Amino acid sequence: MLIPARMSEAEEQRWVTVMLDKLAAQESRRKLGDTELAERAERLSVQYFDGRARPESVRWVTNQNTRWGSCTPSEGSIRLSHRLQGMPEYVVDYVLLHELAHLLVPGHGPRFWRLLEAYPRTERARGYLEGVVAADRLPYLPAARGE
């Protein structure tokens, strides 16, 4: 955290406290529980798919390290990787919408992608996730990461 040199020690302490509280509030909003995740999926289905995608369950899982999400249409279950927790909301929304779309259209054909065109941040979210994958593949360079 950068703090202007002109701040007194008291102002600095107050500013640090305010900013830490803001960060904690943002983080708690981002880390949804399974119930909130299911409610979010329902809202997104209504907003983008006229409520037609109705999952039986939506939950976080820790055993998906190569996928961001998965869907079993026959069971109506959606699972999102815990790695998404803490990412921007629009990215989590995209992955949820992607999996919700699978309840309506299996596979990744033209009909499937037309459904996702309704979400205005599809390309941005896909780019974000591609960036995360690319960064994960970079060699570990302690000097470049400030260690």
N, C-alpha and C. Protein backbone atom coordinates (compact mmCIF):
# COMPACT_ATOMS: atom_id res chain seq x y z
N MET A 1 0.86 -1.17 0.00
CA MET A 1 0.00 0.00 0.00
C MET A 1 0.90 1.23 0.00
N LEU A 2 0.59 2.15 -0.89
CA LEU A 2 1.34 3.40 -0.95
C LEU A 2 0.61 4.46 -0.15
N ILE A 3 1.40 5.20 0.62
CA ILE A 3 0.84 6.25 1.47
C ILE A 3 1.64 7.51 1.25
N PRO A 4 0.97 8.64 1.04
CA PRO A 4 1.70 9.90 0.84
C PRO A 4 2.59 10.22 2.05
N ALA A 5 3.78 10.72 1.77
CA ALA A 5 4.75 11.04 2.83
C ALA A 5 4.24 12.13 3.75
N ARG A 6 3.32 12.99 3.26
CA ARG A 6 2.83 14.11 4.07
C ARG A 6 1.90 13.67 5.19
N MET A 7 1.45 12.45 5.18
CA MET A 7 0.50 11.98 6.21
C MET A 7 1.21 11.81 7.54
N SER A 8 0.50 12.18 8.60
CA SER A 8 1.04 11.95 9.94
C SER A 8 0.89 10.47 10.25
N GLU A 9 1.53 10.04 11.31
CA GLU A 9 1.45 8.63 11.70
C GLU A 9 0.01 8.25 12.04
N ALA A 10 -0.73 9.13 12.68
CA ALA A 10 -2.14 8.87 13.03
C ALA A 10 -2.99 8.74 11.76
N GLU A 11 -2.75 9.66 10.79
CA GLU A 11 -3.50 9.59 9.53
C GLU A 11 -3.18 8.30 8.78
N GLU A 12 -1.90 7.95 8.82
CA GLU A 12 -1.45 6.72 8.16
C GLU A 12 -2.17 5.50 8.76
N GLN A 13 -2.20 5.43 10.07
CA GLN A 13 -2.87 4.30 10.74
C GLN A 13 -4.36 4.25 10.38
N ARG A 14 -5.00 5.42 10.38
CA ARG A 14 -6.42 5.48 10.04
C ARG A 14 -6.63 5.01 8.60
N TRP A 15 -5.78 5.49 7.68
CA TRP A 15 -5.89 5.14 6.27
C TRP A 15 -5.69 3.63 6.06
N VAL A 16 -4.69 3.07 6.72
CA VAL A 16 -4.43 1.62 6.60
C VAL A 16 -5.64 0.84 7.10
N THR A 17 -6.20 1.25 8.21
CA THR A 17 -7.38 0.57 8.77
C THR A 17 -8.56 0.64 7.81
N VAL A 18 -8.81 1.83 7.25
CA VAL A 18 -9.92 2.01 6.31
C VAL A 18 -9.71 1.12 5.08
N MET A 19 -8.51 1.11 4.53
CA MET A 19 -8.24 0.33 3.32
C MET A 19 -8.31 -1.18 3.60
N LEU A 20 -7.82 -1.61 4.73
CA LEU A 20 -7.90 -3.03 5.07
C LEU A 20 -9.36 -3.47 5.25
N ASP A 21 -10.16 -2.60 5.86
CA ASP A 21 -11.59 -2.90 6.00
C ASP A 21 -12.26 -3.01 4.64
N LYS A 22 -11.91 -2.11 3.72
CA LYS A 22 -12.47 -2.16 2.37
C LYS A 22 -12.07 -3.44 1.66
N LEU A 23 -10.81 -3.80 1.76
CA LEU A 23 -10.34 -5.04 1.13
C LEU A 23 -11.03 -6.26 1.71
N ALA A 24 -11.18 -6.29 3.01
CA ALA A 24 -11.86 -7.42 3.66
C ALA A 24 -13.31 -7.52 3.20
N ALA A 25 -13.98 -6.39 3.07
CA ALA A 25 -15.37 -6.38 2.61
C ALA A 25 -15.47 -6.88 1.18
N GLN A 26 -14.54 -6.44 0.32
CA GLN A 26 -14.53 -6.90 -1.07
C GLN A 26 -14.30 -8.41 -1.12
N GLU A 27 -13.34 -8.88 -0.35
CA GLU A 27 -13.01 -10.30 -0.36
C GLU A 27 -14.18 -11.14 0.12
N SER A 28 -14.87 -10.69 1.16
CA SER A 28 -16.00 -11.47 1.67
C SER A 28 -17.15 -11.49 0.66
N ARG A 29 -17.29 -10.40 -0.11
CA ARG A 29 -18.33 -10.40 -1.15
C ARG A 29 -17.97 -11.36 -2.27
N ARG A 30 -16.70 -11.49 -2.57
CA ARG A 30 -16.26 -12.36 -3.65
C ARG A 30 -16.34 -13.83 -3.29
N LYS A 31 -16.10 -14.17 -2.04
CA LYS A 31 -16.08 -15.57 -1.64
C LYS A 31 -17.48 -16.01 -1.25
N LEU A 32 -18.22 -16.39 -2.24
CA LEU A 32 -19.59 -16.84 -2.03
C LEU A 32 -19.61 -18.25 -1.49
N GLY A 33 -20.56 -18.54 -0.65
CA GLY A 33 -20.79 -19.91 -0.24
C GLY A 33 -21.63 -20.61 -1.30
N ASP A 34 -21.86 -21.91 -1.12
CA ASP A 34 -22.65 -22.67 -2.09
C ASP A 34 -24.06 -22.12 -2.24
N THR A 35 -24.68 -21.71 -1.14
CA THR A 35 -26.05 -21.18 -1.20
C THR A 35 -26.09 -19.91 -2.03
N GLU A 36 -25.16 -18.99 -1.76
CA GLU A 36 -25.11 -17.75 -2.52
C GLU A 36 -24.78 -18.01 -3.99
N LEU A 37 -23.93 -19.00 -4.23
CA LEU A 37 -23.57 -19.35 -5.60
C LEU A 37 -24.80 -19.86 -6.36
N ALA A 38 -25.60 -20.68 -5.72
CA ALA A 38 -26.83 -21.19 -6.34
C ALA A 38 -27.81 -20.05 -6.61
N GLU A 39 -27.93 -19.12 -5.67
CA GLU A 39 -28.81 -17.96 -5.86
C GLU A 39 -28.31 -17.09 -7.02
N ARG A 40 -27.02 -16.95 -7.11
CA ARG A 40 -26.44 -16.16 -8.20
C ARG A 40 -26.72 -16.84 -9.54
N ALA A 41 -26.58 -18.15 -9.59
CA ALA A 41 -26.86 -18.90 -10.82
C ALA A 41 -28.32 -18.71 -11.23
N GLU A 42 -29.21 -18.73 -10.26
CA GLU A 42 -30.64 -18.54 -10.56
C GLU A 42 -30.88 -17.15 -11.14
N ARG A 43 -30.28 -16.13 -10.54
CA ARG A 43 -30.44 -14.76 -11.05
C ARG A 43 -29.89 -14.63 -12.47
N LEU A 44 -28.74 -15.23 -12.71
CA LEU A 44 -28.14 -15.16 -14.05
C LEU A 44 -29.00 -15.90 -15.08
N SER A 45 -29.56 -17.03 -14.68
CA SER A 45 -30.44 -17.77 -15.59
C SER A 45 -31.65 -16.93 -15.97
N VAL A 46 -32.24 -16.27 -14.98
CA VAL A 46 -33.39 -15.41 -15.25
C VAL A 46 -32.99 -14.25 -16.17
N GLN A 47 -31.86 -13.62 -15.86
CA GLN A 47 -31.43 -12.44 -16.61
C GLN A 47 -31.04 -12.76 -18.05
N TYR A 48 -30.33 -13.87 -18.27
CA TYR A 48 -29.78 -14.14 -19.59
C TYR A 48 -30.47 -15.27 -20.37
N PHE A 49 -31.14 -16.18 -19.65
CA PHE A 49 -31.76 -17.33 -20.31
C PHE A 49 -33.25 -17.43 -20.02
N ASP A 50 -33.87 -16.33 -19.61
CA ASP A 50 -35.30 -16.31 -19.29
C ASP A 50 -35.69 -17.38 -18.26
N GLY A 51 -34.74 -17.72 -17.37
CA GLY A 51 -35.01 -18.68 -16.31
C GLY A 51 -35.09 -20.13 -16.78
N ARG A 52 -34.71 -20.41 -18.02
CA ARG A 52 -34.83 -21.78 -18.56
C ARG A 52 -33.79 -22.74 -18.01
N ALA A 53 -32.63 -22.25 -17.61
CA ALA A 53 -31.58 -23.11 -17.06
C ALA A 53 -31.83 -23.24 -15.56
N ARG A 54 -32.22 -24.43 -15.13
CA ARG A 54 -32.57 -24.63 -13.71
C ARG A 54 -31.75 -25.77 -13.11
N PRO A 55 -30.60 -25.44 -12.55
CA PRO A 55 -29.78 -26.49 -11.96
C PRO A 55 -30.38 -27.04 -10.66
N GLU A 56 -30.14 -28.30 -10.42
CA GLU A 56 -30.54 -28.92 -9.15
C GLU A 56 -29.56 -28.55 -8.04
N SER A 57 -28.29 -28.41 -8.41
CA SER A 57 -27.28 -28.03 -7.43
C SER A 57 -26.18 -27.22 -8.10
N VAL A 58 -25.64 -26.28 -7.34
CA VAL A 58 -24.51 -25.45 -7.78
C VAL A 58 -23.59 -25.36 -6.57
N ARG A 59 -22.33 -25.75 -6.77
CA ARG A 59 -21.44 -25.75 -5.61
C ARG A 59 -19.99 -25.57 -6.04
N TRP A 60 -19.18 -25.15 -5.07
CA TRP A 60 -17.74 -25.05 -5.25
C TRP A 60 -17.14 -26.43 -5.04
N VAL A 61 -16.08 -26.76 -5.76
CA VAL A 61 -15.36 -28.01 -5.55
C VAL A 61 -13.86 -27.72 -5.55
N THR A 62 -13.12 -28.58 -4.89
CA THR A 62 -11.67 -28.39 -4.82
C THR A 62 -10.92 -29.42 -5.67
N ASN A 63 -11.64 -30.27 -6.38
CA ASN A 63 -10.97 -31.31 -7.16
C ASN A 63 -10.90 -31.00 -8.66
N GLN A 64 -11.15 -29.75 -9.04
CA GLN A 64 -11.05 -29.34 -10.45
C GLN A 64 -9.87 -28.39 -10.60
N ASN A 65 -8.77 -28.93 -11.07
CA ASN A 65 -7.59 -28.09 -11.23
C ASN A 65 -7.27 -27.80 -12.69
N THR A 66 -7.96 -28.46 -13.60
CA THR A 66 -7.72 -28.20 -15.02
C THR A 66 -8.94 -27.58 -15.69
N ARG A 67 -10.06 -27.52 -15.01
CA ARG A 67 -11.28 -26.91 -15.54
C ARG A 67 -11.74 -25.83 -14.58
N TRP A 68 -12.42 -24.83 -15.14
CA TRP A 68 -12.99 -23.77 -14.30
C TRP A 68 -14.35 -24.19 -13.77
N GLY A 69 -15.05 -25.02 -14.51
CA GLY A 69 -16.36 -25.47 -14.09
C GLY A 69 -16.74 -26.72 -14.84
N SER A 70 -17.77 -27.37 -14.37
CA SER A 70 -18.30 -28.54 -15.07
C SER A 70 -19.79 -28.65 -14.79
N CYS A 71 -20.46 -29.35 -15.69
CA CYS A 71 -21.90 -29.50 -15.60
C CYS A 71 -22.26 -30.93 -16.00
N THR A 72 -23.18 -31.52 -15.26
CA THR A 72 -23.74 -32.81 -15.62
C THR A 72 -25.22 -32.56 -15.88
N PRO A 73 -25.59 -32.34 -17.16
CA PRO A 73 -26.97 -32.00 -17.48
C PRO A 73 -27.99 -33.02 -17.01
N SER A 74 -27.64 -34.31 -17.08
CA SER A 74 -28.60 -35.34 -16.67
C SER A 74 -28.96 -35.25 -15.19
N GLU A 75 -28.05 -34.73 -14.39
CA GLU A 75 -28.30 -34.55 -12.95
C GLU A 75 -28.67 -33.12 -12.61
N GLY A 76 -28.43 -32.20 -13.53
CA GLY A 76 -28.67 -30.79 -13.27
C GLY A 76 -27.68 -30.20 -12.28
N SER A 77 -26.47 -30.77 -12.25
CA SER A 77 -25.48 -30.28 -11.28
C SER A 77 -24.40 -29.46 -11.96
N ILE A 78 -24.03 -28.39 -11.28
CA ILE A 78 -22.96 -27.50 -11.73
C ILE A 78 -21.94 -27.41 -10.61
N ARG A 79 -20.67 -27.53 -11.00
CA ARG A 79 -19.57 -27.42 -10.05
C ARG A 79 -18.58 -26.40 -10.58
N LEU A 80 -18.17 -25.49 -9.69
CA LEU A 80 -17.16 -24.49 -10.06
C LEU A 80 -15.90 -24.74 -9.25
N SER A 81 -14.77 -24.58 -9.92
CA SER A 81 -13.48 -24.75 -9.25
C SER A 81 -13.28 -23.68 -8.18
N HIS A 82 -12.76 -24.10 -7.05
CA HIS A 82 -12.45 -23.17 -5.97
C HIS A 82 -11.44 -22.11 -6.42
N ARG A 83 -10.70 -22.39 -7.51
CA ARG A 83 -9.71 -21.44 -8.00
C ARG A 83 -10.35 -20.14 -8.48
N LEU A 84 -11.65 -20.17 -8.77
CA LEU A 84 -12.36 -18.97 -9.19
C LEU A 84 -12.66 -18.02 -8.04
N GLN A 85 -12.62 -18.54 -6.82
CA GLN A 85 -12.93 -17.70 -5.67
C GLN A 85 -11.91 -16.58 -5.57
N GLY A 86 -12.39 -15.38 -5.44
CA GLY A 86 -11.51 -14.21 -5.37
C GLY A 86 -11.27 -13.55 -6.72
N MET A 87 -11.70 -14.21 -7.82
CA MET A 87 -11.58 -13.58 -9.13
C MET A 87 -12.70 -12.56 -9.28
N PRO A 88 -12.57 -11.65 -10.25
CA PRO A 88 -13.63 -10.65 -10.44
C PRO A 88 -15.01 -11.30 -10.66
N GLU A 89 -16.04 -10.62 -10.21
CA GLU A 89 -17.40 -11.15 -10.31
C GLU A 89 -17.79 -11.48 -11.73
N TYR A 90 -17.40 -10.65 -12.68
CA TYR A 90 -17.80 -10.91 -14.07
C TYR A 90 -17.21 -12.22 -14.59
N VAL A 91 -16.06 -12.63 -14.06
CA VAL A 91 -15.44 -13.90 -14.47
C VAL A 91 -16.23 -15.07 -13.89
N VAL A 92 -16.57 -14.99 -12.62
CA VAL A 92 -17.38 -16.05 -11.99
C VAL A 92 -18.74 -16.13 -12.68
N ASP A 93 -19.33 -14.98 -12.98
CA ASP A 93 -20.62 -14.97 -13.68
C ASP A 93 -20.50 -15.64 -15.04
N TYR A 94 -19.44 -15.38 -15.77
CA TYR A 94 -19.25 -16.01 -17.07
C TYR A 94 -19.18 -17.53 -16.93
N VAL A 95 -18.39 -18.01 -15.98
CA VAL A 95 -18.25 -19.46 -15.83
C VAL A 95 -19.60 -20.07 -15.42
N LEU A 96 -20.31 -19.40 -14.54
CA LEU A 96 -21.65 -19.88 -14.17
C LEU A 96 -22.57 -19.92 -15.39
N LEU A 97 -22.57 -18.87 -16.18
CA LEU A 97 -23.40 -18.84 -17.38
C LEU A 97 -22.99 -19.92 -18.37
N HIS A 98 -21.71 -20.15 -18.51
CA HIS A 98 -21.20 -21.20 -19.39
C HIS A 98 -21.79 -22.55 -18.98
N GLU A 99 -21.73 -22.82 -17.67
CA GLU A 99 -22.25 -24.11 -17.19
C GLU A 99 -23.78 -24.15 -17.26
N LEU A 100 -24.44 -23.05 -16.98
CA LEU A 100 -25.90 -22.99 -17.12
C LEU A 100 -26.31 -23.25 -18.56
N ALA A 101 -25.54 -22.72 -19.50
CA ALA A 101 -25.85 -22.93 -20.91
C ALA A 101 -25.81 -24.41 -21.27
N HIS A 102 -24.94 -25.16 -20.59
CA HIS A 102 -24.87 -26.61 -20.85
C HIS A 102 -26.14 -27.34 -20.41
N LEU A 103 -26.89 -26.75 -19.50
CA LEU A 103 -28.17 -27.36 -19.14
C LEU A 103 -29.18 -27.23 -20.29
N LEU A 104 -28.94 -26.27 -21.17
CA LEU A 104 -29.84 -26.02 -22.30
C LEU A 104 -29.31 -26.63 -23.60
N VAL A 105 -27.99 -26.60 -23.77
CA VAL A 105 -27.37 -27.10 -24.99
C VAL A 105 -26.09 -27.86 -24.63
N PRO A 106 -26.07 -29.17 -24.86
CA PRO A 106 -24.83 -29.91 -24.61
C PRO A 106 -23.78 -29.56 -25.66
N GLY A 107 -22.54 -29.67 -25.31
CA GLY A 107 -21.47 -29.39 -26.28
C GLY A 107 -21.22 -27.92 -26.45
N HIS A 108 -20.30 -27.62 -27.37
CA HIS A 108 -19.88 -26.24 -27.60
C HIS A 108 -20.12 -25.83 -29.05
N GLY A 109 -21.25 -26.19 -29.58
CA GLY A 109 -21.59 -25.82 -30.95
C GLY A 109 -22.09 -24.40 -31.06
N PRO A 110 -22.47 -24.00 -32.28
CA PRO A 110 -22.93 -22.62 -32.51
C PRO A 110 -24.12 -22.20 -31.63
N ARG A 111 -25.05 -23.12 -31.40
CA ARG A 111 -26.20 -22.78 -30.54
C ARG A 111 -25.74 -22.43 -29.13
N PHE A 112 -24.79 -23.18 -28.62
CA PHE A 112 -24.25 -22.94 -27.29
C PHE A 112 -23.65 -21.54 -27.21
N TRP A 113 -22.78 -21.19 -28.17
CA TRP A 113 -22.10 -19.89 -28.12
C TRP A 113 -23.06 -18.75 -28.37
N ARG A 114 -24.13 -18.98 -29.12
CA ARG A 114 -25.14 -17.93 -29.29
C ARG A 114 -25.80 -17.60 -27.96
N LEU A 115 -26.01 -18.60 -27.12
CA LEU A 115 -26.58 -18.33 -25.79
C LEU A 115 -25.67 -17.39 -25.00
N LEU A 116 -24.38 -17.62 -25.06
CA LEU A 116 -23.44 -16.81 -24.27
C LEU A 116 -23.22 -15.43 -24.84
N GLU A 117 -23.63 -15.19 -26.08
CA GLU A 117 -23.51 -13.85 -26.66
C GLU A 117 -24.33 -12.83 -25.89
N ALA A 118 -25.35 -13.29 -25.17
CA ALA A 118 -26.19 -12.38 -24.40
C ALA A 118 -25.41 -11.72 -23.25
N TYR A 119 -24.38 -12.40 -22.76
CA TYR A 119 -23.59 -11.86 -21.66
C TYR A 119 -22.52 -10.92 -22.23
N PRO A 120 -22.58 -9.63 -21.92
CA PRO A 120 -21.69 -8.66 -22.56
C PRO A 120 -20.21 -8.81 -22.21
N ARG A 121 -19.90 -9.56 -21.17
CA ARG A 121 -18.49 -9.67 -20.76
C ARG A 121 -17.89 -11.04 -21.07
N THR A 122 -18.51 -11.77 -21.97
CA THR A 122 -18.01 -13.10 -22.31
C THR A 122 -16.56 -13.06 -22.77
N GLU A 123 -16.26 -12.25 -23.77
CA GLU A 123 -14.90 -12.21 -24.31
C GLU A 123 -13.89 -11.71 -23.28
N ARG A 124 -14.29 -10.72 -22.50
CA ARG A 124 -13.39 -10.19 -21.47
C ARG A 124 -13.08 -11.26 -20.43
N ALA A 125 -14.10 -11.99 -20.00
CA ALA A 125 -13.90 -13.04 -19.00
C ALA A 125 -13.04 -14.17 -19.57
N ARG A 126 -13.30 -14.55 -20.80
CA ARG A 126 -12.48 -15.60 -21.42
C ARG A 126 -11.03 -15.16 -21.51
N GLY A 127 -10.80 -13.89 -21.86
CA GLY A 127 -9.44 -13.37 -21.91
C GLY A 127 -8.77 -13.38 -20.54
N TYR A 128 -9.53 -13.03 -19.52
CA TYR A 128 -8.99 -13.04 -18.16
C TYR A 128 -8.54 -14.45 -17.78
N LEU A 129 -9.42 -15.43 -18.04
CA LEU A 129 -9.09 -16.82 -17.69
C LEU A 129 -7.91 -17.33 -18.51
N GLU A 130 -7.83 -16.95 -19.78
CA GLU A 130 -6.67 -17.34 -20.60
C GLU A 130 -5.39 -16.75 -20.02
N GLY A 131 -5.47 -15.51 -19.53
CA GLY A 131 -4.31 -14.88 -18.90
C GLY A 131 -3.87 -15.61 -17.64
N VAL A 132 -4.84 -16.05 -16.85
CA VAL A 132 -4.51 -16.80 -15.63
C VAL A 132 -3.80 -18.10 -15.99
N VAL A 133 -4.32 -18.80 -16.99
CA VAL A 133 -3.70 -20.06 -17.43
C VAL A 133 -2.28 -19.79 -17.94
N ALA A 134 -2.11 -18.74 -18.73
CA ALA A 134 -0.78 -18.42 -19.26
C ALA A 134 0.19 -18.07 -18.13
N ALA A 135 -0.26 -17.30 -17.16
CA ALA A 135 0.60 -16.93 -16.04
C ALA A 135 1.00 -18.15 -15.21
N ASP A 136 0.08 -19.10 -15.09
CA ASP A 136 0.38 -20.32 -14.33
C ASP A 136 1.47 -21.15 -15.00
N ARG A 137 1.61 -20.99 -16.31
CA ARG A 137 2.60 -21.78 -17.07
C ARG A 137 3.98 -21.14 -17.07
N LEU A 138 4.08 -19.89 -16.60
CA LEU A 138 5.37 -19.21 -16.59
C LEU A 138 6.30 -19.87 -15.60
N PRO A 139 7.59 -19.90 -15.92
CA PRO A 139 8.54 -20.48 -14.95
C PRO A 139 8.58 -19.61 -13.70
N TYR A 140 8.89 -20.24 -12.61
CA TYR A 140 8.99 -19.52 -11.34
C TYR A 140 10.26 -18.70 -11.35
N LEU A 141 10.12 -17.40 -11.29
CA LEU A 141 11.25 -16.49 -11.27
C LEU A 141 11.20 -15.62 -10.03
N PRO A 142 11.86 -16.02 -8.93
CA PRO A 142 11.76 -15.26 -7.67
C PRO A 142 12.07 -13.79 -7.83
N ALA A 143 13.07 -13.42 -8.60
CA ALA A 143 13.45 -12.01 -8.73
C ALA A 143 12.34 -11.21 -9.41
N ALA A 144 11.66 -11.81 -10.37
CA ALA A 144 10.62 -11.11 -11.10
C ALA A 144 9.37 -10.94 -10.25
N ARG A 145 9.21 -11.74 -9.23
CA ARG A 145 8.02 -11.67 -8.39
C ARG A 145 8.28 -10.94 -7.08
N GLY A 146 9.43 -10.30 -6.97
CA GLY A 146 9.72 -9.49 -5.79
C GLY A 146 10.08 -10.29 -4.56
N GLU A 147 10.55 -11.50 -4.76
CA GLU A 147 10.92 -12.33 -3.60
C GLU A 147 12.39 -12.32 -3.35
